[in-house]
Amino acid sequence: MAEFANVLRLLRNGRGISQQELARLLGISKSAVNMYERGERQPNFETLELIADFFHVDIDYLLGRTDTARSAYPDTVAAHFDTDDLTDDEKKDVENYIEFIRAKRNRK
């Protein structure tokens, strides 16, 4: 199982946002996000909840206690997303990420 630093980096990169943008959205400093991702600092419980809520995962997944990114919102289903504004390379990145998730699931 992954540790928090790796999980946070994976989730952030999966959303395609910078550390600065994540910090702004969470109301924390970019330095804090950077230290979390380098494993030099751990968030307090309130910040951990903010991160879990933002990425729609449970805290166990963030902490590396499980490899399954169960949604903290099990009744929410994403049925469609528009890719018209993505380049072909970006669409390929999305496809690669989906394959990564499937491969990760199949390793269990």
PDB file of N, CA and C in Angstrom:
ATOM      1  N   MET A   1       0.833  -1.179   0.000  1.00  0.00           N
ATOM      2  CA  MET A   1       0.000   0.000   0.000  1.00  0.00           C
ATOM      3  C   MET A   1       0.880   1.246   0.000  1.00  0.00           C
ATOM      4  N   ALA A   2       0.381   2.288  -0.614  1.00  0.00           N
ATOM      5  CA  ALA A   2       1.129   3.529  -0.742  1.00  0.00           C
ATOM      6  C   ALA A   2       1.050   4.353   0.534  1.00  0.00           C
ATOM      7  N   GLU A   3       2.004   5.236   0.670  1.00  0.00           N
ATOM      8  CA  GLU A   3       1.964   6.154   1.803  1.00  0.00           C
ATOM      9  C   GLU A   3       1.274   7.442   1.370  1.00  0.00           C
ATOM     10  N   PHE A   4       0.894   8.251   2.352  1.00  0.00           N
ATOM     11  CA  PHE A   4       0.127   9.464   2.095  1.00  0.00           C
ATOM     12  C   PHE A   4       0.763  10.354   1.026  1.00  0.00           C
ATOM     13  N   ALA A   5       2.067  10.579   1.097  1.00  0.00           N
ATOM     14  CA  ALA A   5       2.739  11.464   0.142  1.00  0.00           C
ATOM     15  C   ALA A   5       2.502  11.014  -1.292  1.00  0.00           C
ATOM     16  N   ASN A   6       2.638   9.721  -1.534  1.00  0.00           N
ATOM     17  CA  ASN A   6       2.451   9.195  -2.892  1.00  0.00           C
ATOM     18  C   ASN A   6       0.994   9.256  -3.324  1.00  0.00           C
ATOM     19  N   VAL A   7       0.091   8.953  -2.417  1.00  0.00           N
ATOM     20  CA  VAL A   7      -1.336   8.980  -2.737  1.00  0.00           C
ATOM     21  C   VAL A   7      -1.757  10.404  -3.091  1.00  0.00           C
ATOM     22  N   LEU A   8      -1.327  11.371  -2.304  1.00  0.00           N
ATOM     23  CA  LEU A   8      -1.685  12.760  -2.572  1.00  0.00           C
ATOM     24  C   LEU A   8      -1.161  13.197  -3.935  1.00  0.00           C
ATOM     25  N   ARG A   9       0.085  12.880  -4.227  1.00  0.00           N
ATOM     26  CA  ARG A   9       0.673  13.255  -5.516  1.00  0.00           C
ATOM     27  C   ARG A   9      -0.101  12.604  -6.665  1.00  0.00           C
ATOM     28  N   LEU A  10      -0.435  11.335  -6.516  1.00  0.00           N
ATOM     29  CA  LEU A  10      -1.187  10.618  -7.543  1.00  0.00           C
ATOM     30  C   LEU A  10      -2.559  11.258  -7.777  1.00  0.00           C
ATOM     31  N   LEU A  11      -3.255  11.551  -6.713  1.00  0.00           N
ATOM     32  CA  LEU A  11      -4.574  12.164  -6.834  1.00  0.00           C
ATOM     33  C   LEU A  11      -4.487  13.549  -7.477  1.00  0.00           C
ATOM     34  N   ARG A  12      -3.529  14.346  -7.037  1.00  0.00           N
ATOM     35  CA  ARG A  12      -3.376  15.697  -7.578  1.00  0.00           C
ATOM     36  C   ARG A  12      -3.033  15.643  -9.065  1.00  0.00           C
ATOM     37  N   ASN A  13      -2.069  14.812  -9.418  1.00  0.00           N
ATOM     38  CA  ASN A  13      -1.690  14.689 -10.824  1.00  0.00           C
ATOM     39  C   ASN A  13      -2.831  14.127 -11.662  1.00  0.00           C
ATOM     40  N   GLY A  14      -3.602  13.216 -11.069  1.00  0.00           N
ATOM     41  CA  GLY A  14      -4.750  12.662 -11.768  1.00  0.00           C
ATOM     42  C   GLY A  14      -5.788  13.713 -12.111  1.00  0.00           C
ATOM     43  N   ARG A  15      -5.891  14.712 -11.283  1.00  0.00           N
ATOM     44  CA  ARG A  15      -6.808  15.829 -11.549  1.00  0.00           C
ATOM     45  C   ARG A  15      -6.169  16.876 -12.464  1.00  0.00           C
ATOM     46  N   GLY A  16      -4.859  16.753 -12.664  1.00  0.00           N
ATOM     47  CA  GLY A  16      -4.169  17.702 -13.533  1.00  0.00           C
ATOM     48  C   GLY A  16      -4.055  19.091 -12.943  1.00  0.00           C
ATOM     49  N   ILE A  17      -3.892  19.158 -11.611  1.00  0.00           N
ATOM     50  CA  ILE A  17      -3.757  20.471 -10.977  1.00  0.00           C
ATOM     51  C   ILE A  17      -2.384  20.591 -10.325  1.00  0.00           C
ATOM     52  N   SER A  18      -1.930  21.809 -10.227  1.00  0.00           N
ATOM     53  CA  SER A  18      -0.632  22.086  -9.622  1.00  0.00           C
ATOM     54  C   SER A  18      -0.733  22.075  -8.099  1.00  0.00           C
ATOM     55  N   GLN A  19       0.417  22.029  -7.461  1.00  0.00           N
ATOM     56  CA  GLN A  19       0.433  22.136  -5.999  1.00  0.00           C
ATOM     57  C   GLN A  19      -0.161  23.475  -5.571  1.00  0.00           C
ATOM     58  N   GLN A  20       0.154  24.523  -6.307  1.00  0.00           N
ATOM     59  CA  GLN A  20      -0.361  25.859  -5.989  1.00  0.00           C
ATOM     60  C   GLN A  20      -1.882  25.888  -6.072  1.00  0.00           C
ATOM     61  N   GLU A  21      -2.430  25.280  -7.112  1.00  0.00           N
ATOM     62  CA  GLU A  21      -3.881  25.262  -7.285  1.00  0.00           C
ATOM     63  C   GLU A  21      -4.549  24.442  -6.178  1.00  0.00           C
ATOM     64  N   LEU A  22      -3.982  23.285  -5.851  1.00  0.00           N
ATOM     65  CA  LEU A  22      -4.547  22.477  -4.776  1.00  0.00           C
ATOM     66  C   LEU A  22      -4.518  23.254  -3.461  1.00  0.00           C
ATOM     67  N   ALA A  23      -3.413  23.904  -3.196  1.00  0.00           N
ATOM     68  CA  ALA A  23      -3.296  24.699  -1.968  1.00  0.00           C
ATOM     69  C   ALA A  23      -4.379  25.771  -1.912  1.00  0.00           C
ATOM     70  N   ARG A  24      -4.580  26.464  -3.028  1.00  0.00           N
ATOM     71  CA  ARG A  24      -5.597  27.514  -3.080  1.00  0.00           C
ATOM     72  C   ARG A  24      -6.988  26.936  -2.837  1.00  0.00           C
ATOM     73  N   LEU A  25      -7.290  25.806  -3.483  1.00  0.00           N
ATOM     74  CA  LEU A  25      -8.610  25.196  -3.350  1.00  0.00           C
ATOM     75  C   LEU A  25      -8.882  24.681  -1.934  1.00  0.00           C
ATOM     76  N   LEU A  26      -7.824  24.231  -1.259  1.00  0.00           N
ATOM     77  CA  LEU A  26      -7.979  23.708   0.098  1.00  0.00           C
ATOM     78  C   LEU A  26      -7.838  24.784   1.171  1.00  0.00           C
ATOM     79  N   GLY A  27      -7.325  25.945   0.781  1.00  0.00           N
ATOM     80  CA  GLY A  27      -7.111  27.013   1.752  1.00  0.00           C
ATOM     81  C   GLY A  27      -5.896  26.779   2.636  1.00  0.00           C
ATOM     82  N   ILE A  28      -4.880  26.134   2.070  1.00  0.00           N
ATOM     83  CA  ILE A  28      -3.626  25.906   2.789  1.00  0.00           C
ATOM     84  C   ILE A  28      -2.479  26.449   1.942  1.00  0.00           C
ATOM     85  N   SER A  29      -1.281  26.431   2.478  1.00  0.00           N
ATOM     86  CA  SER A  29      -0.151  26.983   1.732  1.00  0.00           C
ATOM     87  C   SER A  29       0.398  25.979   0.719  1.00  0.00           C
ATOM     88  N   LYS A  30       0.995  26.506  -0.344  1.00  0.00           N
ATOM     89  CA  LYS A  30       1.647  25.649  -1.332  1.00  0.00           C
ATOM     90  C   LYS A  30       2.792  24.895  -0.672  1.00  0.00           C
ATOM     91  N   SER A  31       3.466  25.545   0.263  1.00  0.00           N
ATOM     92  CA  SER A  31       4.558  24.908   0.994  1.00  0.00           C
ATOM     93  C   SER A  31       4.072  23.666   1.736  1.00  0.00           C
ATOM     94  N   ALA A  32       2.890  23.749   2.326  1.00  0.00           N
ATOM     95  CA  ALA A  32       2.337  22.592   3.047  1.00  0.00           C
ATOM     96  C   ALA A  32       2.096  21.441   2.074  1.00  0.00           C
ATOM     97  N   VAL A  33       1.477  21.729   0.925  1.00  0.00           N
ATOM     98  CA  VAL A  33       1.220  20.683  -0.069  1.00  0.00           C
ATOM     99  C   VAL A  33       2.545  20.059  -0.507  1.00  0.00           C
ATOM    100  N   ASN A  34       3.530  20.900  -0.772  1.00  0.00           N
ATOM    101  CA  ASN A  34       4.838  20.408  -1.206  1.00  0.00           C
ATOM    102  C   ASN A  34       5.469  19.500  -0.146  1.00  0.00           C
ATOM    103  N   MET A  35       5.394  19.902   1.110  1.00  0.00           N
ATOM    104  CA  MET A  35       5.967  19.084   2.186  1.00  0.00           C
ATOM    105  C   MET A  35       5.186  17.785   2.375  1.00  0.00           C
ATOM    106  N   TYR A  36       3.864  17.826   2.197  1.00  0.00           N
ATOM    107  CA  TYR A  36       3.068  16.600   2.277  1.00  0.00           C
ATOM    108  C   TYR A  36       3.533  15.613   1.207  1.00  0.00           C
ATOM    109  N   GLU A  37       3.712  16.123  -0.013  1.00  0.00           N
ATOM    110  CA  GLU A  37       4.089  15.248  -1.125  1.00  0.00           C
ATOM    111  C   GLU A  37       5.525  14.743  -1.022  1.00  0.00           C
ATOM    112  N   ARG A  38       6.366  15.446  -0.308  1.00  0.00           N
ATOM    113  CA  ARG A  38       7.743  14.979  -0.091  1.00  0.00           C
ATOM    114  C   ARG A  38       7.849  14.111   1.156  1.00  0.00           C
ATOM    115  N   GLY A  39       6.764  13.973   1.889  1.00  0.00           N
ATOM    116  CA  GLY A  39       6.765  13.160   3.095  1.00  0.00           C
ATOM    117  C   GLY A  39       7.448  13.824   4.273  1.00  0.00           C
ATOM    118  N   GLU A  40       7.608  15.129   4.218  1.00  0.00           N
ATOM    119  CA  GLU A  40       8.281  15.870   5.286  1.00  0.00           C
ATOM    120  C   GLU A  40       7.327  16.385   6.352  1.00  0.00           C
ATOM    121  N   ARG A  41       6.039  16.296   6.065  1.00  0.00           N
ATOM    122  CA  ARG A  41       5.030  16.803   6.995  1.00  0.00           C
ATOM    123  C   ARG A  41       3.750  16.029   6.773  1.00  0.00           C
ATOM    124  N   GLN A  42       2.975  15.845   7.835  1.00  0.00           N
ATOM    125  CA  GLN A  42       1.673  15.183   7.757  1.00  0.00           C
ATOM    126  C   GLN A  42       0.584  16.214   8.077  1.00  0.00           C
ATOM    127  N   PRO A  43      -0.545  16.139   7.391  1.00  0.00           N
ATOM    128  CA  PRO A  43      -1.622  17.091   7.674  1.00  0.00           C
ATOM    129  C   PRO A  43      -2.311  16.762   8.992  1.00  0.00           C
ATOM    130  N   ASN A  44      -2.905  17.788   9.597  1.00  0.00           N
ATOM    131  CA  ASN A  44      -3.718  17.530  10.782  1.00  0.00           C
ATOM    132  C   ASN A  44      -5.038  16.898  10.316  1.00  0.00           C
ATOM    133  N   PHE A  45      -5.839  16.472  11.260  1.00  0.00           N
ATOM    134  CA  PHE A  45      -7.056  15.745  10.916  1.00  0.00           C
ATOM    135  C   PHE A  45      -8.007  16.581  10.071  1.00  0.00           C
ATOM    136  N   GLU A  46      -8.159  17.850  10.393  1.00  0.00           N
ATOM    137  CA  GLU A  46      -9.077  18.704   9.648  1.00  0.00           C
ATOM    138  C   GLU A  46      -8.631  18.844   8.188  1.00  0.00           C
ATOM    139  N   THR A  47      -7.332  18.994   7.974  1.00  0.00           N
ATOM    140  CA  THR A  47      -6.810  19.101   6.612  1.00  0.00           C
ATOM    141  C   THR A  47      -6.953  17.783   5.879  1.00  0.00           C
ATOM    142  N   LEU A  48      -6.742  16.688   6.577  1.00  0.00           N
ATOM    143  CA  LEU A  48      -6.924  15.363   5.983  1.00  0.00           C
ATOM    144  C   LEU A  48      -8.372  15.195   5.510  1.00  0.00           C
ATOM    145  N   GLU A  49      -9.313  15.654   6.310  1.00  0.00           N
ATOM    146  CA  GLU A  49     -10.723  15.602   5.908  1.00  0.00           C
ATOM    147  C   GLU A  49     -10.978  16.456   4.666  1.00  0.00           C
ATOM    148  N   LEU A  50     -10.372  17.645   4.624  1.00  0.00           N
ATOM    149  CA  LEU A  50     -10.523  18.522   3.456  1.00  0.00           C
ATOM    150  C   LEU A  50     -10.009  17.841   2.192  1.00  0.00           C
ATOM    151  N   ILE A  51      -8.859  17.215   2.303  1.00  0.00           N
ATOM    152  CA  ILE A  51      -8.252  16.544   1.150  1.00  0.00           C
ATOM    153  C   ILE A  51      -9.130  15.369   0.704  1.00  0.00           C
ATOM    154  N   ALA A  52      -9.584  14.572   1.655  1.00  0.00           N
ATOM    155  CA  ALA A  52     -10.452  13.435   1.329  1.00  0.00           C
ATOM    156  C   ALA A  52     -11.734  13.915   0.656  1.00  0.00           C
ATOM    157  N   ASP A  53     -12.339  14.949   1.186  1.00  0.00           N
ATOM    158  CA  ASP A  53     -13.561  15.492   0.593  1.00  0.00           C
ATOM    159  C   ASP A  53     -13.303  16.033  -0.811  1.00  0.00           C
ATOM    160  N   PHE A  54     -12.197  16.729  -0.979  1.00  0.00           N
ATOM    161  CA  PHE A  54     -11.884  17.313  -2.275  1.00  0.00           C
ATOM    162  C   PHE A  54     -11.737  16.236  -3.355  1.00  0.00           C
ATOM    163  N   PHE A  55     -11.038  15.151  -3.023  1.00  0.00           N
ATOM    164  CA  PHE A  55     -10.791  14.099  -4.002  1.00  0.00           C
ATOM    165  C   PHE A  55     -11.863  12.996  -3.979  1.00  0.00           C
ATOM    166  N   HIS A  56     -12.850  13.134  -3.102  1.00  0.00           N
ATOM    167  CA  HIS A  56     -13.948  12.161  -2.992  1.00  0.00           C
ATOM    168  C   HIS A  56     -13.437  10.747  -2.713  1.00  0.00           C
ATOM    169  N   VAL A  57     -12.521  10.657  -1.764  1.00  0.00           N
ATOM    170  CA  VAL A  57     -12.007   9.360  -1.308  1.00  0.00           C
ATOM    171  C   VAL A  57     -12.104   9.331   0.207  1.00  0.00           C
ATOM    172  N   ASP A  58     -11.963   8.143   0.774  1.00  0.00           N
ATOM    173  CA  ASP A  58     -11.990   8.082   2.230  1.00  0.00           C
ATOM    174  C   ASP A  58     -10.579   8.249   2.792  1.00  0.00           C
ATOM    175  N   ILE A  59     -10.533   8.530   4.069  1.00  0.00           N
ATOM    176  CA  ILE A  59      -9.256   8.808   4.728  1.00  0.00           C
ATOM    177  C   ILE A  59      -8.352   7.579   4.752  1.00  0.00           C
ATOM    178  N   ASP A  60      -8.912   6.389   4.873  1.00  0.00           N
ATOM    179  CA  ASP A  60      -8.086   5.179   4.841  1.00  0.00           C
ATOM    180  C   ASP A  60      -7.265   5.098   3.557  1.00  0.00           C
ATOM    181  N   TYR A  61      -7.873   5.466   2.437  1.00  0.00           N
ATOM    182  CA  TYR A  61      -7.148   5.455   1.164  1.00  0.00           C
ATOM    183  C   TYR A  61      -6.014   6.484   1.189  1.00  0.00           C
ATOM    184  N   LEU A  62      -6.309   7.679   1.668  1.00  0.00           N
ATOM    185  CA  LEU A  62      -5.275   8.716   1.747  1.00  0.00           C
ATOM    186  C   LEU A  62      -4.085   8.280   2.590  1.00  0.00           C
ATOM    187  N   LEU A  63      -4.362   7.570   3.669  1.00  0.00           N
ATOM    188  CA  LEU A  63      -3.299   7.160   4.586  1.00  0.00           C
ATOM    189  C   LEU A  63      -2.591   5.888   4.150  1.00  0.00           C
ATOM    190  N   GLY A  64      -3.045   5.307   3.047  1.00  0.00           N
ATOM    191  CA  GLY A  64      -2.406   4.097   2.558  1.00  0.00           C
ATOM    192  C   GLY A  64      -2.836   2.840   3.297  1.00  0.00           C
ATOM    193  N   ARG A  65      -3.943   2.925   4.020  1.00  0.00           N
ATOM    194  CA  ARG A  65      -4.438   1.760   4.763  1.00  0.00           C
ATOM    195  C   ARG A  65      -5.203   0.803   3.871  1.00  0.00           C
ATOM    196  N   THR A  66      -5.579   1.276   2.687  1.00  0.00           N
ATOM    197  CA  THR A  66      -6.250   0.449   1.696  1.00  0.00           C
ATOM    198  C   THR A  66      -5.825   0.907   0.315  1.00  0.00           C
ATOM    199  N   ASP A  67      -5.828  -0.006  -0.639  1.00  0.00           N
ATOM    200  CA  ASP A  67      -5.492   0.346  -2.013  1.00  0.00           C
ATOM    201  C   ASP A  67      -6.719   0.722  -2.825  1.00  0.00           C
ATOM    202  N   THR A  68      -7.879   0.633  -2.211  1.00  0.00           N
ATOM    203  CA  THR A  68      -9.122   0.923  -2.907  1.00  0.00           C
ATOM    204  C   THR A  68      -9.564   2.342  -2.590  1.00  0.00           C
ATOM    205  N   ALA A  69      -9.691   3.149  -3.631  1.00  0.00           N
ATOM    206  CA  ALA A  69     -10.100   4.545  -3.445  1.00  0.00           C
ATOM    207  C   ALA A  69     -11.610   4.630  -3.372  1.00  0.00           C
ATOM    208  N   ARG A  70     -12.165   4.039  -2.322  1.00  0.00           N
ATOM    209  CA  ARG A  70     -13.619   4.095  -2.161  1.00  0.00           C
ATOM    210  C   ARG A  70     -14.056   5.532  -2.026  1.00  0.00           C
ATOM    211  N   SER A  71     -15.126   5.840  -2.687  1.00  0.00           N
ATOM    212  CA  SER A  71     -15.647   7.187  -2.623  1.00  0.00           C
ATOM    213  C   SER A  71     -16.222   7.459  -1.244  1.00  0.00           C
ATOM    214  N   ALA A  72     -15.981   8.646  -0.765  1.00  0.00           N
ATOM    215  CA  ALA A  72     -16.614   9.080   0.474  1.00  0.00           C
ATOM    216  C   ALA A  72     -18.081   9.416   0.212  1.00  0.00           C
ATOM    217  N   TYR A  73     -18.461   9.404  -1.069  1.00  0.00           N
ATOM    218  CA  TYR A  73     -19.809   9.726  -1.485  1.00  0.00           C
ATOM    219  C   TYR A  73     -20.331   8.572  -2.353  1.00  0.00           C
ATOM    220  N   PRO A  74     -20.683   7.436  -1.743  1.00  0.00           N
ATOM    221  CA  PRO A  74     -21.037   6.261  -2.529  1.00  0.00           C
ATOM    222  C   PRO A  74     -22.268   6.425  -3.405  1.00  0.00           C
ATOM    223  N   ASP A  75     -23.121   7.393  -3.135  1.00  0.00           N
ATOM    224  CA  ASP A  75     -24.310   7.592  -3.950  1.00  0.00           C
ATOM    225  C   ASP A  75     -24.036   8.449  -5.176  1.00  0.00           C
ATOM    226  N   THR A  76     -22.831   8.989  -5.280  1.00  0.00           N
ATOM    227  CA  THR A  76     -22.476   9.834  -6.403  1.00  0.00           C
ATOM    228  C   THR A  76     -21.873   8.983  -7.508  1.00  0.00           C
ATOM    229  N   VAL A  77     -22.424   9.143  -8.714  1.00  0.00           N
ATOM    230  CA  VAL A  77     -21.923   8.391  -9.856  1.00  0.00           C
ATOM    231  C   VAL A  77     -21.600   9.370 -10.974  1.00  0.00           C
ATOM    232  N   ALA A  78     -20.377   9.308 -11.481  1.00  0.00           N
ATOM    233  CA  ALA A  78     -19.999  10.131 -12.623  1.00  0.00           C
ATOM    234  C   ALA A  78     -20.338   9.349 -13.878  1.00  0.00           C
ATOM    235  N   ALA A  79     -21.254   9.856 -14.675  1.00  0.00           N
ATOM    236  CA  ALA A  79     -21.716   9.123 -15.842  1.00  0.00           C
ATOM    237  C   ALA A  79     -21.062   9.602 -17.128  1.00  0.00           C
ATOM    238  N   HIS A  80     -20.615  10.848 -17.159  1.00  0.00           N
ATOM    239  CA  HIS A  80     -20.087  11.398 -18.401  1.00  0.00           C
ATOM    240  C   HIS A  80     -19.204  12.592 -18.095  1.00  0.00           C
ATOM    241  N   PHE A  81     -18.161  12.740 -18.880  1.00  0.00           N
ATOM    242  CA  PHE A  81     -17.407  13.972 -18.822  1.00  0.00           C
ATOM    243  C   PHE A  81     -17.042  14.366 -20.237  1.00  0.00           C
ATOM    244  N   ASP A  82     -17.042  15.646 -20.493  1.00  0.00           N
ATOM    245  CA  ASP A  82     -16.831  16.175 -21.832  1.00  0.00           C
ATOM    246  C   ASP A  82     -15.344  16.298 -22.112  1.00  0.00           C
ATOM    247  N   THR A  83     -14.882  15.719 -23.199  1.00  0.00           N
ATOM    248  CA  THR A  83     -13.462  15.785 -23.559  1.00  0.00           C
ATOM    249  C   THR A  83     -13.236  16.608 -24.816  1.00  0.00           C
ATOM    250  N   ASP A  84     -14.249  17.334 -25.270  1.00  0.00           N
ATOM    251  CA  ASP A  84     -14.121  18.106 -26.506  1.00  0.00           C
ATOM    252  C   ASP A  84     -13.001  19.138 -26.453  1.00  0.00           C
ATOM    253  N   ASP A  85     -12.706  19.648 -25.260  1.00  0.00           N
ATOM    254  CA  ASP A  85     -11.680  20.679 -25.160  1.00  0.00           C
ATOM    255  C   ASP A  85     -10.284  20.112 -24.911  1.00  0.00           C
ATOM    256  N   LEU A  86     -10.143  18.775 -24.912  1.00  0.00           N
ATOM    257  CA  LEU A  86      -8.839  18.143 -24.696  1.00  0.00           C
ATOM    258  C   LEU A  86      -8.145  17.873 -26.025  1.00  0.00           C
ATOM    259  N   THR A  87      -6.829  18.000 -26.009  1.00  0.00           N
ATOM    260  CA  THR A  87      -6.055  17.638 -27.192  1.00  0.00           C
ATOM    261  C   THR A  87      -6.003  16.118 -27.292  1.00  0.00           C
ATOM    262  N   ASP A  88      -5.560  15.615 -28.430  1.00  0.00           N
ATOM    263  CA  ASP A  88      -5.418  14.167 -28.587  1.00  0.00           C
ATOM    264  C   ASP A  88      -4.435  13.601 -27.571  1.00  0.00           C
ATOM    265  N   ASP A  89      -3.348  14.325 -27.297  1.00  0.00           N
ATOM    266  CA  ASP A  89      -2.373  13.870 -26.301  1.00  0.00           C
ATOM    267  C   ASP A  89      -2.988  13.823 -24.907  1.00  0.00           C
ATOM    268  N   GLU A  90      -3.803  14.813 -24.582  1.00  0.00           N
ATOM    269  CA  GLU A  90      -4.461  14.832 -23.274  1.00  0.00           C
ATOM    270  C   GLU A  90      -5.462  13.684 -23.153  1.00  0.00           C
ATOM    271  N   LYS A  91      -6.188  13.403 -24.230  1.00  0.00           N
ATOM    272  CA  LYS A  91      -7.122  12.278 -24.210  1.00  0.00           C
ATOM    273  C   LYS A  91      -6.369  10.969 -24.003  1.00  0.00           C
ATOM    274  N   LYS A  92      -5.199  10.849 -24.620  1.00  0.00           N
ATOM    275  CA  LYS A  92      -4.378   9.650 -24.443  1.00  0.00           C
ATOM    276  C   LYS A  92      -3.917   9.554 -22.987  1.00  0.00           C
ATOM    277  N   ASP A  93      -3.577  10.688 -22.377  1.00  0.00           N
ATOM    278  CA  ASP A  93      -3.188  10.690 -20.962  1.00  0.00           C
ATOM    279  C   ASP A  93      -4.331  10.176 -20.090  1.00  0.00           C
ATOM    280  N   VAL A  94      -5.562  10.584 -20.402  1.00  0.00           N
ATOM    281  CA  VAL A  94      -6.729  10.116 -19.646  1.00  0.00           C
ATOM    282  C   VAL A  94      -6.878   8.609 -19.819  1.00  0.00           C
ATOM    283  N   GLU A  95      -6.747   8.122 -21.042  1.00  0.00           N
ATOM    284  CA  GLU A  95      -6.835   6.688 -21.289  1.00  0.00           C
ATOM    285  C   GLU A  95      -5.748   5.928 -20.532  1.00  0.00           C
ATOM    286  N   ASN A  96      -4.537   6.473 -20.526  1.00  0.00           N
ATOM    287  CA  ASN A  96      -3.437   5.838 -19.795  1.00  0.00           C
ATOM    288  C   ASN A  96      -3.710   5.804 -18.301  1.00  0.00           C
ATOM    289  N   TYR A  97      -4.302   6.863 -17.774  1.00  0.00           N
ATOM    290  CA  TYR A  97      -4.616   6.903 -16.347  1.00  0.00           C
ATOM    291  C   TYR A  97      -5.674   5.850 -16.008  1.00  0.00           C
ATOM    292  N   ILE A  98      -6.664   5.713 -16.871  1.00  0.00           N
ATOM    293  CA  ILE A  98      -7.695   4.699 -16.644  1.00  0.00           C
ATOM    294  C   ILE A  98      -7.069   3.311 -16.633  1.00  0.00           C
ATOM    295  N   GLU A  99      -6.165   3.058 -17.565  1.00  0.00           N
ATOM    296  CA  GLU A  99      -5.480   1.766 -17.601  1.00  0.00           C
ATOM    297  C   GLU A  99      -4.642   1.554 -16.350  1.00  0.00           C
ATOM    298  N   PHE A 100      -4.016   2.611 -15.853  1.00  0.00           N
ATOM    299  CA  PHE A 100      -3.236   2.529 -14.623  1.00  0.00           C
ATOM    300  C   PHE A 100      -4.134   2.107 -13.461  1.00  0.00           C
ATOM    301  N   ILE A 101      -5.305   2.716 -13.363  1.00  0.00           N
ATOM    302  CA  ILE A 101      -6.239   2.395 -12.287  1.00  0.00           C
ATOM    303  C   ILE A 101      -6.683   0.942 -12.400  1.00  0.00           C
ATOM    304  N   ARG A 102      -6.996   0.492 -13.602  1.00  0.00           N
ATOM    305  CA  ARG A 102      -7.411  -0.901 -13.789  1.00  0.00           C
ATOM    306  C   ARG A 102      -6.288  -1.862 -13.420  1.00  0.00           C
ATOM    307  N   ALA A 103      -5.076  -1.544 -13.822  1.00  0.00           N
ATOM    308  CA  ALA A 103      -3.936  -2.408 -13.504  1.00  0.00           C
ATOM    309  C   ALA A 103      -3.711  -2.457 -11.996  1.00  0.00           C
ATOM    310  N   LYS A 104      -3.864  -1.341 -11.342  1.00  0.00           N
ATOM    311  CA  LYS A 104      -3.697  -1.280  -9.898  1.00  0.00           C
ATOM    312  C   LYS A 104      -4.739  -2.151  -9.210  1.00  0.00           C
ATOM    313  N   ARG A 105      -5.969  -2.116  -9.697  1.00  0.00           N
ATOM    314  CA  ARG A 105      -7.039  -2.932  -9.148  1.00  0.00           C
ATOM    315  C   ARG A 105      -6.748  -4.409  -9.356  1.00  0.00           C
ATOM    316  N   ASN A 106      -6.236  -4.762 -10.506  1.00  0.00           N
ATOM    317  CA  ASN A 106      -5.997  -6.162 -10.846  1.00  0.00           C
ATOM    318  C   ASN A 106      -4.796  -6.763 -10.122  1.00  0.00           C
ATOM    319  N   ARG A 107      -3.960  -5.949  -9.494  1.00  0.00           N
ATOM    320  CA  ARG A 107      -2.808  -6.463  -8.740  1.00  0.00           C
ATOM    321  C   ARG A 107      -3.220  -7.082  -7.423  1.00  0.00           C
ATOM    322  N   LYS A 108      -4.412  -6.850  -6.987  1.00  0.00           N
ATOM    323  CA  LYS A 108      -4.877  -7.345  -5.687  1.00  0.00           C
ATOM    324  C   LYS A 108      -5.016  -8.829  -5.679  1.00  0.00           C
TER     325      LYS A 108
END
